[in-house]
Amino acid sequence: MRQSPTAGPGLTTPPGPATAPGRDDAASPQRTFTGEELRKTLLPDSAFGRNLEPGESHIMVFESTREQRQGRWDDCLSLLPDEDPAGLGPASYRGTIATAISMFVDREANEGHAVATQTLTSLPIGSARDLLHIERNIMRHCPSFASDAEAGSAGEEYAVEPLEGIGDEAFLEVHTLVYEGRHTEYRVHVRVGGVLLTVSDGEGSGRNRAVAWAAQLSRNVGSTLYP
């Protein structure tokens, strides 16, 4: 007897407004968290939808140097040879990061689909604030540039939208890859005290869900790490 096809992911949007309190007033400026503390704060797969299962997850040392940031954005910066990319910032930032992917696996087609990716990065508050501003500003500096995708010609577009009412600071990154069509990803960046969090949407998730999921994760950070 042929088995019925597996139901889809049944994506879930948290009820209520997409808001979360900031924690700057409650956080010690130099306090940081371990990888295990961050991992326990990540949302469960069920927060994103039904019929999901864990994909890859990691705990690792986080590092962001000026040289790394320059390399990441080289395709954009190479178009501006006479301009000093001061927005990259001179400092290096080191901390701890935990990341997880929630997957829907179509057993019949033997295909996996990423529904959401979430990361938590722990730094002192001042470092977290500076790095968030650097990431936001360089995206504004590089709204459109040519790049390569799978050894072919491609283009990338970035737009930044401010978000109010989520954590201590937040913005939405809209990244469009122009390669055999247009493929848009929404990534929400939030700072809650000294924790930087990102939530990226997966196939078919979209802007509103990414924002709502990020607000839910921000509330989790605030209540778990900064009670």
N, C-alpha and C. Protein backbone atom coordinates (compact mmCIF):
# COMPACT_ATOMS: atom_id res chain seq x y z
N MET A 1 0.84 -1.19 0.00
CA MET A 1 0.00 0.00 0.00
C MET A 1 0.88 1.24 0.00
N ARG A 2 0.55 2.18 -0.86
CA ARG A 2 1.34 3.40 -0.93
C ARG A 2 1.03 4.29 0.28
N GLN A 3 2.09 4.83 0.89
CA GLN A 3 1.89 5.71 2.03
C GLN A 3 1.42 7.08 1.57
N SER A 4 0.62 7.73 2.42
CA SER A 4 0.18 9.08 2.13
C SER A 4 1.37 10.02 2.21
N PRO A 5 1.42 11.04 1.36
CA PRO A 5 2.55 11.97 1.43
C PRO A 5 2.57 12.69 2.77
N THR A 6 3.77 13.01 3.22
CA THR A 6 3.94 13.72 4.47
C THR A 6 3.33 15.11 4.37
N ALA A 7 2.62 15.52 5.42
CA ALA A 7 2.05 16.87 5.44
C ALA A 7 3.17 17.89 5.40
N GLY A 8 2.84 19.08 4.91
CA GLY A 8 3.83 20.14 4.81
C GLY A 8 4.24 20.69 6.17
N PRO A 9 5.06 21.73 6.17
CA PRO A 9 5.60 22.23 7.43
C PRO A 9 4.59 22.97 8.30
N GLY A 10 3.47 23.43 7.75
CA GLY A 10 2.48 24.12 8.55
C GLY A 10 3.07 25.26 9.35
N LEU A 11 3.64 26.25 8.65
CA LEU A 11 4.36 27.33 9.30
C LEU A 11 3.47 28.07 10.30
N THR A 12 4.09 28.45 11.42
CA THR A 12 3.38 29.08 12.53
C THR A 12 3.89 30.50 12.73
N THR A 13 2.97 31.44 12.91
CA THR A 13 3.32 32.81 13.26
C THR A 13 2.89 33.06 14.70
N PRO A 14 3.79 33.49 15.58
CA PRO A 14 3.40 33.74 16.97
C PRO A 14 2.26 34.75 17.04
N PRO A 15 1.30 34.56 17.92
CA PRO A 15 0.19 35.51 18.04
C PRO A 15 0.63 36.81 18.70
N GLY A 16 -0.15 37.85 18.51
CA GLY A 16 0.13 39.12 19.16
C GLY A 16 1.14 39.96 18.40
N PRO A 17 1.43 41.16 18.92
CA PRO A 17 2.37 42.06 18.24
C PRO A 17 3.79 41.52 18.27
N ALA A 18 4.55 41.85 17.23
CA ALA A 18 5.95 41.41 17.13
C ALA A 18 6.82 42.40 17.89
N THR A 19 6.81 42.29 19.22
CA THR A 19 7.58 43.19 20.07
C THR A 19 8.31 42.39 21.13
N ALA A 20 9.34 43.01 21.70
CA ALA A 20 10.10 42.40 22.80
C ALA A 20 10.81 43.51 23.55
N PRO A 21 10.87 43.46 24.88
CA PRO A 21 11.54 44.53 25.63
C PRO A 21 13.04 44.46 25.48
N GLY A 22 13.70 45.62 25.57
CA GLY A 22 15.15 45.66 25.65
C GLY A 22 15.61 45.34 27.06
N ARG A 23 16.92 45.04 27.18
CA ARG A 23 17.43 44.65 28.50
C ARG A 23 18.67 45.43 28.90
N ASP A 24 18.95 46.55 28.24
CA ASP A 24 20.14 47.33 28.59
C ASP A 24 20.14 47.74 30.06
N ASP A 25 18.98 48.08 30.58
CA ASP A 25 18.90 48.54 31.97
C ASP A 25 19.13 47.42 32.96
N ALA A 26 18.92 46.17 32.54
CA ALA A 26 19.03 45.04 33.46
C ALA A 26 20.33 44.27 33.29
N ALA A 27 21.10 44.60 32.27
CA ALA A 27 22.28 43.79 31.93
C ALA A 27 23.55 44.44 32.45
N SER A 28 24.45 43.62 32.99
CA SER A 28 25.78 44.09 33.34
C SER A 28 26.57 44.30 32.05
N PRO A 29 27.24 45.46 31.88
CA PRO A 29 27.88 45.78 30.60
C PRO A 29 28.88 44.74 30.11
N GLN A 30 29.58 44.04 31.02
CA GLN A 30 30.61 43.10 30.61
C GLN A 30 30.15 41.64 30.67
N ARG A 31 28.91 41.39 31.03
CA ARG A 31 28.45 40.01 31.18
C ARG A 31 28.34 39.32 29.83
N THR A 32 28.83 38.10 29.76
CA THR A 32 28.70 37.28 28.55
C THR A 32 28.18 35.90 28.95
N PHE A 33 27.82 35.10 27.94
CA PHE A 33 27.19 33.80 28.18
C PHE A 33 27.95 32.69 27.46
N THR A 34 27.85 31.50 28.00
CA THR A 34 28.50 30.34 27.40
C THR A 34 27.70 29.83 26.21
N GLY A 35 28.34 28.98 25.42
CA GLY A 35 27.64 28.38 24.30
C GLY A 35 26.44 27.57 24.72
N GLU A 36 26.55 26.84 25.84
CA GLU A 36 25.43 26.03 26.32
C GLU A 36 24.27 26.91 26.77
N GLU A 37 24.58 28.04 27.42
CA GLU A 37 23.52 28.96 27.82
C GLU A 37 22.80 29.50 26.60
N LEU A 38 23.54 29.83 25.57
CA LEU A 38 22.92 30.32 24.34
C LEU A 38 22.09 29.24 23.67
N ARG A 39 22.63 28.02 23.60
CA ARG A 39 21.92 26.93 22.94
C ARG A 39 20.55 26.68 23.59
N LYS A 40 20.52 26.72 24.93
CA LYS A 40 19.27 26.46 25.65
C LYS A 40 18.24 27.56 25.45
N THR A 41 18.69 28.72 24.96
CA THR A 41 17.80 29.86 24.77
C THR A 41 17.19 29.87 23.37
N LEU A 42 17.76 29.13 22.43
CA LEU A 42 17.23 29.08 21.08
C LEU A 42 15.81 28.49 21.08
N LEU A 43 15.01 28.93 20.13
CA LEU A 43 13.64 28.44 20.05
C LEU A 43 13.61 26.99 19.58
N PRO A 44 12.64 26.19 20.05
CA PRO A 44 12.50 24.83 19.56
C PRO A 44 11.96 24.84 18.13
N ASP A 45 12.16 23.74 17.44
CA ASP A 45 11.67 23.65 16.06
C ASP A 45 10.17 23.89 15.97
N SER A 46 9.43 23.48 16.99
CA SER A 46 7.98 23.64 16.98
C SER A 46 7.54 25.09 16.97
N ALA A 47 8.44 26.02 17.33
CA ALA A 47 8.08 27.44 17.30
C ALA A 47 7.86 27.95 15.88
N PHE A 48 8.42 27.25 14.90
CA PHE A 48 8.35 27.71 13.52
C PHE A 48 7.27 27.01 12.71
N GLY A 49 6.82 25.84 13.14
CA GLY A 49 5.79 25.13 12.40
C GLY A 49 5.69 23.68 12.80
N ARG A 50 4.79 22.97 12.15
CA ARG A 50 4.60 21.54 12.41
C ARG A 50 5.46 20.71 11.46
N ASN A 51 5.69 19.48 11.85
CA ASN A 51 6.43 18.51 11.03
C ASN A 51 7.86 18.96 10.73
N LEU A 52 8.47 19.66 11.68
CA LEU A 52 9.85 20.11 11.51
C LEU A 52 10.79 19.27 12.36
N GLU A 53 12.05 19.28 11.99
CA GLU A 53 13.05 18.56 12.74
C GLU A 53 14.37 19.33 12.69
N PRO A 54 15.27 19.06 13.63
CA PRO A 54 16.52 19.82 13.68
C PRO A 54 17.39 19.58 12.45
N GLY A 55 17.98 20.65 11.96
CA GLY A 55 19.03 20.54 10.96
C GLY A 55 20.36 20.69 11.66
N GLU A 56 21.30 21.35 11.02
CA GLU A 56 22.61 21.55 11.64
C GLU A 56 22.51 22.52 12.81
N SER A 57 23.28 22.27 13.85
CA SER A 57 23.40 23.20 14.97
C SER A 57 24.84 23.21 15.44
N HIS A 58 25.31 24.37 15.89
CA HIS A 58 26.71 24.50 16.28
C HIS A 58 26.84 25.46 17.45
N ILE A 59 27.85 25.20 18.27
CA ILE A 59 28.35 26.16 19.24
C ILE A 59 29.82 26.37 18.90
N MET A 60 30.23 27.63 18.80
CA MET A 60 31.62 27.87 18.41
C MET A 60 32.07 29.25 18.91
N VAL A 61 33.37 29.47 18.80
CA VAL A 61 33.91 30.78 19.10
C VAL A 61 33.54 31.72 17.96
N PHE A 62 33.10 32.91 18.30
CA PHE A 62 32.74 33.92 17.31
C PHE A 62 33.89 34.92 17.18
N GLU A 63 34.19 35.30 15.94
CA GLU A 63 35.21 36.32 15.70
C GLU A 63 34.82 37.15 14.49
N SER A 64 34.98 38.45 14.62
CA SER A 64 34.77 39.36 13.49
C SER A 64 35.87 40.40 13.52
N THR A 65 36.77 40.35 12.55
CA THR A 65 37.85 41.32 12.43
C THR A 65 37.60 42.22 11.22
N ARG A 66 38.32 43.33 11.18
CA ARG A 66 38.20 44.22 10.03
C ARG A 66 38.55 43.48 8.75
N GLU A 67 39.60 42.64 8.79
CA GLU A 67 40.01 41.90 7.60
C GLU A 67 38.92 40.93 7.14
N GLN A 68 38.26 40.26 8.10
CA GLN A 68 37.18 39.35 7.73
C GLN A 68 36.00 40.10 7.11
N ARG A 69 35.68 41.24 7.70
CA ARG A 69 34.57 42.03 7.15
C ARG A 69 34.92 42.56 5.76
N GLN A 70 36.17 42.93 5.57
CA GLN A 70 36.59 43.41 4.25
C GLN A 70 36.48 42.27 3.23
N GLY A 71 36.90 41.07 3.62
CA GLY A 71 36.80 39.94 2.71
C GLY A 71 35.37 39.59 2.37
N ARG A 72 34.49 39.64 3.35
CA ARG A 72 33.08 39.31 3.12
C ARG A 72 32.45 40.26 2.11
N TRP A 73 32.83 41.54 2.17
CA TRP A 73 32.20 42.55 1.32
C TRP A 73 33.10 42.99 0.18
N ASP A 74 34.07 42.16 -0.19
CA ASP A 74 35.06 42.56 -1.18
C ASP A 74 34.43 42.86 -2.54
N ASP A 75 33.39 42.11 -2.93
CA ASP A 75 32.77 42.34 -4.23
C ASP A 75 32.19 43.75 -4.31
N CYS A 76 31.67 44.23 -3.20
CA CYS A 76 31.14 45.59 -3.18
C CYS A 76 32.27 46.60 -3.10
N LEU A 77 33.22 46.41 -2.16
CA LEU A 77 34.25 47.41 -1.92
C LEU A 77 35.21 47.55 -3.09
N SER A 78 35.37 46.48 -3.88
CA SER A 78 36.27 46.57 -5.03
C SER A 78 35.75 47.52 -6.09
N LEU A 79 34.46 47.83 -6.04
CA LEU A 79 33.89 48.79 -6.99
C LEU A 79 34.15 50.23 -6.57
N LEU A 80 34.68 50.41 -5.35
CA LEU A 80 34.92 51.74 -4.80
C LEU A 80 36.38 51.87 -4.38
N PRO A 81 37.33 51.73 -5.32
CA PRO A 81 38.75 51.66 -4.96
C PRO A 81 39.28 52.93 -4.32
N ASP A 82 38.63 54.06 -4.58
CA ASP A 82 39.15 55.33 -4.05
C ASP A 82 38.48 55.72 -2.75
N GLU A 83 37.63 54.86 -2.24
CA GLU A 83 36.89 55.19 -1.03
C GLU A 83 37.36 54.32 0.13
N ASP A 84 37.70 54.96 1.24
CA ASP A 84 38.12 54.23 2.43
C ASP A 84 36.89 53.65 3.12
N PRO A 85 36.79 52.33 3.22
CA PRO A 85 35.60 51.73 3.83
C PRO A 85 35.63 51.87 5.35
N ALA A 86 35.54 53.12 5.83
CA ALA A 86 35.64 53.37 7.26
C ALA A 86 34.50 52.69 8.02
N GLY A 87 33.40 52.44 7.34
CA GLY A 87 32.27 51.80 8.00
C GLY A 87 32.54 50.39 8.46
N LEU A 88 33.64 49.80 8.00
CA LEU A 88 33.98 48.45 8.45
C LEU A 88 34.43 48.44 9.90
N GLY A 89 34.87 49.58 10.40
CA GLY A 89 35.33 49.67 11.78
C GLY A 89 36.70 49.06 11.97
N PRO A 90 37.53 49.61 12.85
CA PRO A 90 38.89 49.09 13.04
C PRO A 90 38.99 47.95 14.02
N ALA A 91 37.98 47.74 14.85
CA ALA A 91 38.09 46.81 15.99
C ALA A 91 37.81 45.37 15.59
N SER A 92 38.28 44.47 16.46
CA SER A 92 37.95 43.05 16.36
C SER A 92 37.01 42.69 17.50
N TYR A 93 36.13 41.75 17.23
CA TYR A 93 35.13 41.35 18.22
C TYR A 93 35.18 39.83 18.37
N ARG A 94 35.23 39.38 19.62
CA ARG A 94 35.29 37.94 19.88
C ARG A 94 34.31 37.57 20.98
N GLY A 95 33.62 36.47 20.77
CA GLY A 95 32.64 36.02 21.75
C GLY A 95 32.28 34.58 21.49
N THR A 96 31.02 34.24 21.76
CA THR A 96 30.52 32.88 21.58
C THR A 96 29.24 32.93 20.77
N ILE A 97 29.06 31.93 19.91
CA ILE A 97 27.87 31.90 19.05
C ILE A 97 27.23 30.52 19.09
N ALA A 98 25.91 30.50 19.07
CA ALA A 98 25.14 29.27 18.93
C ALA A 98 24.18 29.45 17.77
N THR A 99 24.07 28.45 16.93
CA THR A 99 23.22 28.55 15.75
C THR A 99 22.46 27.25 15.53
N ALA A 100 21.28 27.35 14.95
CA ALA A 100 20.46 26.16 14.69
C ALA A 100 19.59 26.41 13.47
N ILE A 101 19.33 25.35 12.73
CA ILE A 101 18.45 25.39 11.56
C ILE A 101 17.28 24.45 11.80
N SER A 102 16.08 24.92 11.51
CA SER A 102 14.89 24.07 11.59
C SER A 102 14.51 23.65 10.17
N MET A 103 14.32 22.35 9.97
CA MET A 103 14.13 21.78 8.64
C MET A 103 12.77 21.12 8.49
N PHE A 104 12.25 21.17 7.28
CA PHE A 104 11.17 20.27 6.88
C PHE A 104 11.77 19.30 5.88
N VAL A 105 11.65 18.02 6.16
CA VAL A 105 12.22 16.99 5.29
C VAL A 105 11.08 16.25 4.58
N ASP A 106 11.08 16.36 3.27
CA ASP A 106 10.11 15.63 2.44
C ASP A 106 10.68 14.25 2.19
N ARG A 107 10.22 13.26 2.95
CA ARG A 107 10.76 11.90 2.84
C ARG A 107 10.48 11.28 1.49
N GLU A 108 9.33 11.60 0.93
CA GLU A 108 8.96 11.00 -0.35
C GLU A 108 9.90 11.45 -1.47
N ALA A 109 10.26 12.74 -1.44
CA ALA A 109 11.17 13.28 -2.46
C ALA A 109 12.62 13.24 -2.01
N ASN A 110 12.85 12.85 -0.75
CA ASN A 110 14.20 12.81 -0.18
C ASN A 110 14.88 14.17 -0.31
N GLU A 111 14.13 15.22 0.09
CA GLU A 111 14.63 16.58 0.03
C GLU A 111 14.42 17.27 1.37
N GLY A 112 15.40 18.07 1.75
CA GLY A 112 15.28 18.87 2.96
C GLY A 112 15.14 20.34 2.62
N HIS A 113 14.33 21.05 3.39
CA HIS A 113 14.09 22.46 3.15
C HIS A 113 14.28 23.23 4.46
N ALA A 114 15.16 24.21 4.45
CA ALA A 114 15.37 25.04 5.63
C ALA A 114 14.18 25.97 5.81
N VAL A 115 13.57 25.93 6.97
CA VAL A 115 12.43 26.79 7.27
C VAL A 115 12.89 28.06 7.97
N ALA A 116 13.82 27.93 8.91
CA ALA A 116 14.32 29.10 9.64
C ALA A 116 15.70 28.80 10.18
N THR A 117 16.54 29.82 10.22
CA THR A 117 17.86 29.73 10.84
C THR A 117 17.94 30.79 11.92
N GLN A 118 18.40 30.39 13.11
CA GLN A 118 18.52 31.35 14.22
C GLN A 118 19.93 31.28 14.81
N THR A 119 20.45 32.44 15.19
CA THR A 119 21.76 32.50 15.82
C THR A 119 21.70 33.43 17.02
N LEU A 120 22.51 33.12 18.03
CA LEU A 120 22.70 33.99 19.19
C LEU A 120 24.20 34.18 19.37
N THR A 121 24.64 35.42 19.50
CA THR A 121 26.05 35.75 19.70
C THR A 121 26.18 36.57 20.96
N SER A 122 27.06 36.13 21.87
CA SER A 122 27.26 36.82 23.14
C SER A 122 28.54 37.64 23.12
N LEU A 123 28.40 38.93 23.45
CA LEU A 123 29.52 39.87 23.53
C LEU A 123 29.23 40.83 24.69
N PRO A 124 30.22 41.57 25.17
CA PRO A 124 29.91 42.69 26.06
C PRO A 124 28.98 43.67 25.35
N ILE A 125 28.18 44.39 26.12
CA ILE A 125 27.15 45.24 25.51
C ILE A 125 27.75 46.25 24.52
N GLY A 126 28.84 46.92 24.89
CA GLY A 126 29.44 47.91 24.00
C GLY A 126 29.88 47.30 22.68
N SER A 127 30.47 46.11 22.73
CA SER A 127 30.90 45.44 21.50
C SER A 127 29.71 45.01 20.66
N ALA A 128 28.67 44.51 21.31
CA ALA A 128 27.47 44.09 20.58
C ALA A 128 26.84 45.28 19.87
N ARG A 129 26.78 46.41 20.55
CA ARG A 129 26.20 47.62 19.95
C ARG A 129 27.03 48.07 18.75
N ASP A 130 28.34 48.11 18.90
CA ASP A 130 29.20 48.57 17.81
C ASP A 130 29.11 47.66 16.59
N LEU A 131 29.13 46.34 16.82
CA LEU A 131 29.12 45.42 15.70
C LEU A 131 27.78 45.46 14.97
N LEU A 132 26.68 45.60 15.70
CA LEU A 132 25.38 45.72 15.04
C LEU A 132 25.35 46.94 14.13
N HIS A 133 25.91 48.06 14.59
CA HIS A 133 25.94 49.28 13.78
C HIS A 133 26.82 49.09 12.55
N ILE A 134 27.95 48.40 12.71
CA ILE A 134 28.83 48.15 11.56
C ILE A 134 28.10 47.32 10.50
N GLU A 135 27.45 46.25 10.92
CA GLU A 135 26.75 45.39 9.97
C GLU A 135 25.66 46.16 9.23
N ARG A 136 24.92 46.96 9.96
CA ARG A 136 23.84 47.74 9.34
C ARG A 136 24.40 48.76 8.36
N ASN A 137 25.45 49.46 8.75
CA ASN A 137 25.98 50.53 7.92
C ASN A 137 26.62 50.01 6.64
N ILE A 138 27.30 48.85 6.70
CA ILE A 138 27.94 48.36 5.50
C ILE A 138 26.90 47.88 4.49
N MET A 139 25.76 47.38 4.95
CA MET A 139 24.68 47.02 4.02
C MET A 139 24.11 48.25 3.34
N ARG A 140 24.01 49.34 4.08
CA ARG A 140 23.56 50.59 3.47
C ARG A 140 24.58 51.10 2.46
N HIS A 141 25.85 50.82 2.72
CA HIS A 141 26.93 51.26 1.84
C HIS A 141 26.97 50.43 0.55
N CYS A 142 26.41 49.22 0.58
CA CYS A 142 26.49 48.28 -0.55
C CYS A 142 25.10 47.83 -0.98
N PRO A 143 24.29 48.75 -1.51
CA PRO A 143 22.92 48.36 -1.86
C PRO A 143 22.82 47.45 -3.08
N SER A 144 23.83 47.51 -3.98
CA SER A 144 23.75 46.70 -5.19
C SER A 144 25.15 46.53 -5.77
N PHE A 145 25.53 45.29 -6.08
CA PHE A 145 26.85 45.05 -6.67
C PHE A 145 26.86 43.69 -7.34
N ALA A 146 27.82 43.50 -8.23
CA ALA A 146 27.96 42.25 -8.96
C ALA A 146 28.76 41.26 -8.12
N SER A 147 28.40 40.00 -8.24
CA SER A 147 29.14 38.94 -7.54
C SER A 147 29.06 37.67 -8.37
N ASP A 148 29.61 36.60 -7.85
CA ASP A 148 29.55 35.30 -8.54
C ASP A 148 28.71 34.33 -7.72
N ALA A 149 27.95 33.53 -8.39
CA ALA A 149 27.19 32.47 -7.74
C ALA A 149 27.36 31.21 -8.58
N GLU A 150 27.93 30.19 -7.95
CA GLU A 150 28.15 28.91 -8.63
C GLU A 150 28.91 29.13 -9.94
N ALA A 151 29.95 29.97 -9.87
CA ALA A 151 30.83 30.26 -11.00
C ALA A 151 30.11 30.92 -12.16
N GLY A 152 28.99 31.57 -11.87
CA GLY A 152 28.28 32.29 -12.92
C GLY A 152 28.14 33.75 -12.55
N SER A 153 27.60 34.52 -13.45
CA SER A 153 27.41 35.95 -13.19
C SER A 153 26.18 36.14 -12.34
N ALA A 154 26.30 36.97 -11.31
CA ALA A 154 25.18 37.21 -10.40
C ALA A 154 25.26 38.62 -9.87
N GLY A 155 24.20 39.05 -9.26
CA GLY A 155 24.16 40.35 -8.61
C GLY A 155 23.54 40.20 -7.24
N GLU A 156 23.92 41.10 -6.35
CA GLU A 156 23.35 41.09 -5.01
C GLU A 156 22.80 42.46 -4.67
N GLU A 157 21.68 42.47 -3.96
CA GLU A 157 21.07 43.71 -3.53
C GLU A 157 20.77 43.62 -2.04
N TYR A 158 21.04 44.71 -1.33
CA TYR A 158 20.77 44.77 0.11
C TYR A 158 19.93 46.00 0.40
N ALA A 159 18.95 45.82 1.25
CA ALA A 159 18.17 46.94 1.77
C ALA A 159 18.03 46.75 3.27
N VAL A 160 18.00 47.86 3.99
CA VAL A 160 17.90 47.84 5.45
C VAL A 160 16.66 48.62 5.86
N GLU A 161 15.82 48.01 6.69
CA GLU A 161 14.63 48.67 7.20
C GLU A 161 14.69 48.71 8.73
N PRO A 162 14.48 49.86 9.35
CA PRO A 162 14.48 49.91 10.81
C PRO A 162 13.27 49.17 11.37
N LEU A 163 13.45 48.58 12.53
CA LEU A 163 12.36 47.90 13.24
C LEU A 163 12.24 48.51 14.64
N GLU A 164 11.05 48.86 15.02
CA GLU A 164 10.82 49.46 16.33
C GLU A 164 10.17 48.45 17.26
N GLY A 165 10.52 48.56 18.54
CA GLY A 165 9.82 47.77 19.56
C GLY A 165 10.34 46.37 19.76
N ILE A 166 11.48 46.02 19.15
CA ILE A 166 12.06 44.69 19.33
C ILE A 166 13.44 44.85 19.96
N GLY A 167 13.60 44.38 21.19
CA GLY A 167 14.89 44.44 21.86
C GLY A 167 15.36 45.87 22.09
N ASP A 168 16.67 46.02 22.28
CA ASP A 168 17.26 47.35 22.46
C ASP A 168 17.48 48.05 21.13
N GLU A 169 17.74 47.30 20.07
CA GLU A 169 17.91 47.82 18.71
C GLU A 169 17.58 46.69 17.75
N ALA A 170 17.06 47.05 16.58
CA ALA A 170 16.73 46.00 15.60
C ALA A 170 16.61 46.60 14.21
N PHE A 171 16.94 45.79 13.21
CA PHE A 171 16.67 46.17 11.83
C PHE A 171 16.44 44.92 10.99
N LEU A 172 15.80 45.12 9.85
CA LEU A 172 15.53 44.04 8.91
C LEU A 172 16.46 44.16 7.73
N GLU A 173 17.13 43.08 7.40
CA GLU A 173 17.98 43.00 6.20
C GLU A 173 17.19 42.27 5.11
N VAL A 174 17.09 42.89 3.95
CA VAL A 174 16.46 42.27 2.79
C VAL A 174 17.56 42.01 1.76
N HIS A 175 17.89 40.75 1.56
CA HIS A 175 18.98 40.37 0.66
C HIS A 175 18.39 39.66 -0.56
N THR A 176 18.64 40.22 -1.72
CA THR A 176 18.15 39.63 -2.97
C THR A 176 19.33 39.18 -3.82
N LEU A 177 19.36 37.90 -4.17
CA LEU A 177 20.34 37.36 -5.09
C LEU A 177 19.70 37.29 -6.47
N VAL A 178 20.34 37.95 -7.44
CA VAL A 178 19.84 37.96 -8.81
C VAL A 178 20.66 36.97 -9.60
N TYR A 179 20.14 35.78 -9.75
CA TYR A 179 20.85 34.71 -10.47
C TYR A 179 19.80 33.67 -10.88
N GLU A 180 19.57 33.57 -12.19
CA GLU A 180 18.51 32.70 -12.70
C GLU A 180 17.20 33.03 -11.99
N GLY A 181 16.87 34.31 -11.99
CA GLY A 181 15.69 34.79 -11.29
C GLY A 181 16.10 35.62 -10.08
N ARG A 182 15.12 36.04 -9.30
CA ARG A 182 15.36 36.83 -8.10
C ARG A 182 14.98 36.00 -6.88
N HIS A 183 15.89 35.92 -5.94
CA HIS A 183 15.68 35.11 -4.74
C HIS A 183 15.92 36.00 -3.53
N THR A 184 14.87 36.26 -2.75
CA THR A 184 14.94 37.20 -1.64
C THR A 184 14.89 36.48 -0.31
N GLU A 185 15.79 36.88 0.58
CA GLU A 185 15.85 36.35 1.94
C GLU A 185 15.67 37.50 2.92
N TYR A 186 14.90 37.26 3.98
CA TYR A 186 14.69 38.25 5.03
C TYR A 186 15.44 37.79 6.28
N ARG A 187 16.25 38.67 6.82
CA ARG A 187 17.01 38.36 8.03
C ARG A 187 16.83 39.50 9.03
N VAL A 188 16.39 39.15 10.22
CA VAL A 188 16.15 40.14 11.26
C VAL A 188 17.34 40.14 12.22
N HIS A 189 17.87 41.33 12.49
CA HIS A 189 18.99 41.51 13.40
C HIS A 189 18.49 42.26 14.64
N VAL A 190 18.75 41.72 15.80
CA VAL A 190 18.29 42.34 17.05
C VAL A 190 19.42 42.30 18.07
N ARG A 191 19.50 43.35 18.88
CA ARG A 191 20.38 43.34 20.05
C ARG A 191 19.53 43.38 21.31
N VAL A 192 19.73 42.41 22.18
CA VAL A 192 19.10 42.38 23.49
C VAL A 192 20.24 42.38 24.51
N GLY A 193 20.51 43.52 25.12
CA GLY A 193 21.68 43.63 25.99
C GLY A 193 22.94 43.34 25.19
N GLY A 194 23.73 42.38 25.64
CA GLY A 194 24.95 42.00 24.93
C GLY A 194 24.78 40.81 24.02
N VAL A 195 23.56 40.42 23.73
CA VAL A 195 23.30 39.29 22.84
C VAL A 195 22.79 39.80 21.50
N LEU A 196 23.49 39.44 20.44
CA LEU A 196 23.04 39.71 19.08
C LEU A 196 22.31 38.47 18.57
N LEU A 197 21.14 38.66 18.03
CA LEU A 197 20.42 37.52 17.49
C LEU A 197 20.00 37.82 16.07
N THR A 198 19.97 36.77 15.26
CA THR A 198 19.45 36.87 13.90
C THR A 198 18.49 35.72 13.67
N VAL A 199 17.46 36.01 12.90
CA VAL A 199 16.55 34.98 12.43
C VAL A 199 16.38 35.19 10.93
N SER A 200 16.66 34.14 10.15
CA SER A 200 16.51 34.19 8.70
C SER A 200 15.35 33.30 8.29
N ASP A 201 14.56 33.80 7.35
CA ASP A 201 13.44 32.99 6.88
C ASP A 201 13.93 31.93 5.91
N GLY A 202 13.14 30.90 5.75
CA GLY A 202 13.45 29.85 4.78
C GLY A 202 12.51 29.93 3.61
N GLU A 203 12.38 28.82 2.89
CA GLU A 203 11.55 28.79 1.70
C GLU A 203 10.08 29.05 2.07
N GLY A 204 9.53 30.12 1.52
CA GLY A 204 8.13 30.40 1.71
C GLY A 204 7.75 31.02 3.03
N SER A 205 8.73 31.39 3.86
CA SER A 205 8.40 31.94 5.18
C SER A 205 8.01 33.41 5.08
N GLY A 206 8.91 34.24 4.57
CA GLY A 206 8.57 35.63 4.31
C GLY A 206 8.89 36.59 5.44
N ARG A 207 8.71 37.87 5.11
CA ARG A 207 9.10 38.96 5.99
C ARG A 207 8.40 38.93 7.33
N ASN A 208 7.07 38.86 7.33
CA ASN A 208 6.32 38.99 8.57
C ASN A 208 6.62 37.87 9.55
N ARG A 209 6.77 36.67 9.04
CA ARG A 209 7.10 35.56 9.94
C ARG A 209 8.50 35.73 10.51
N ALA A 210 9.46 36.15 9.68
CA ALA A 210 10.82 36.34 10.18
C ALA A 210 10.84 37.37 11.31
N VAL A 211 10.10 38.44 11.16
CA VAL A 211 10.05 39.47 12.21
C VAL A 211 9.38 38.92 13.46
N ALA A 212 8.27 38.20 13.29
CA ALA A 212 7.57 37.65 14.45
C ALA A 212 8.42 36.61 15.18
N TRP A 213 9.13 35.77 14.43
CA TRP A 213 10.00 34.77 15.06
C TRP A 213 11.14 35.45 15.81
N ALA A 214 11.71 36.50 15.22
CA ALA A 214 12.80 37.22 15.89
C ALA A 214 12.32 37.87 17.17
N ALA A 215 11.11 38.41 17.16
CA ALA A 215 10.56 39.00 18.39
C ALA A 215 10.37 37.93 19.46
N GLN A 216 9.91 36.75 19.06
CA GLN A 216 9.74 35.66 20.02
C GLN A 216 11.08 35.22 20.60
N LEU A 217 12.10 35.11 19.75
CA LEU A 217 13.43 34.74 20.23
C LEU A 217 13.99 35.83 21.14
N SER A 218 13.72 37.11 20.82
CA SER A 218 14.19 38.21 21.66
C SER A 218 13.55 38.15 23.04
N ARG A 219 12.27 37.81 23.10
CA ARG A 219 11.61 37.67 24.39
C ARG A 219 12.23 36.51 25.18
N ASN A 220 12.58 35.46 24.46
CA ASN A 220 13.21 34.31 25.11
C ASN A 220 14.57 34.70 25.70
N VAL A 221 15.35 35.47 24.95
CA VAL A 221 16.65 35.94 25.44
C VAL A 221 16.47 36.79 26.69
N GLY A 222 15.51 37.72 26.63
CA GLY A 222 15.29 38.60 27.76
C GLY A 222 14.86 37.88 29.02
N SER A 223 13.98 36.89 28.88
CA SER A 223 13.45 36.19 30.07
C SER A 223 14.38 35.10 30.57
N THR A 224 15.21 34.54 29.70
CA THR A 224 16.08 33.42 30.09
C THR A 224 17.47 33.88 30.52
N LEU A 225 18.08 34.75 29.73
CA LEU A 225 19.45 35.18 30.02
C LEU A 225 19.50 36.42 30.90
N TYR A 226 18.47 37.25 30.84
CA TYR A 226 18.43 38.46 31.66
C TYR A 226 17.14 38.50 32.48
N PRO A 227 16.93 37.51 33.36
CA PRO A 227 15.67 37.46 34.12
C PRO A 227 15.56 38.62 35.11
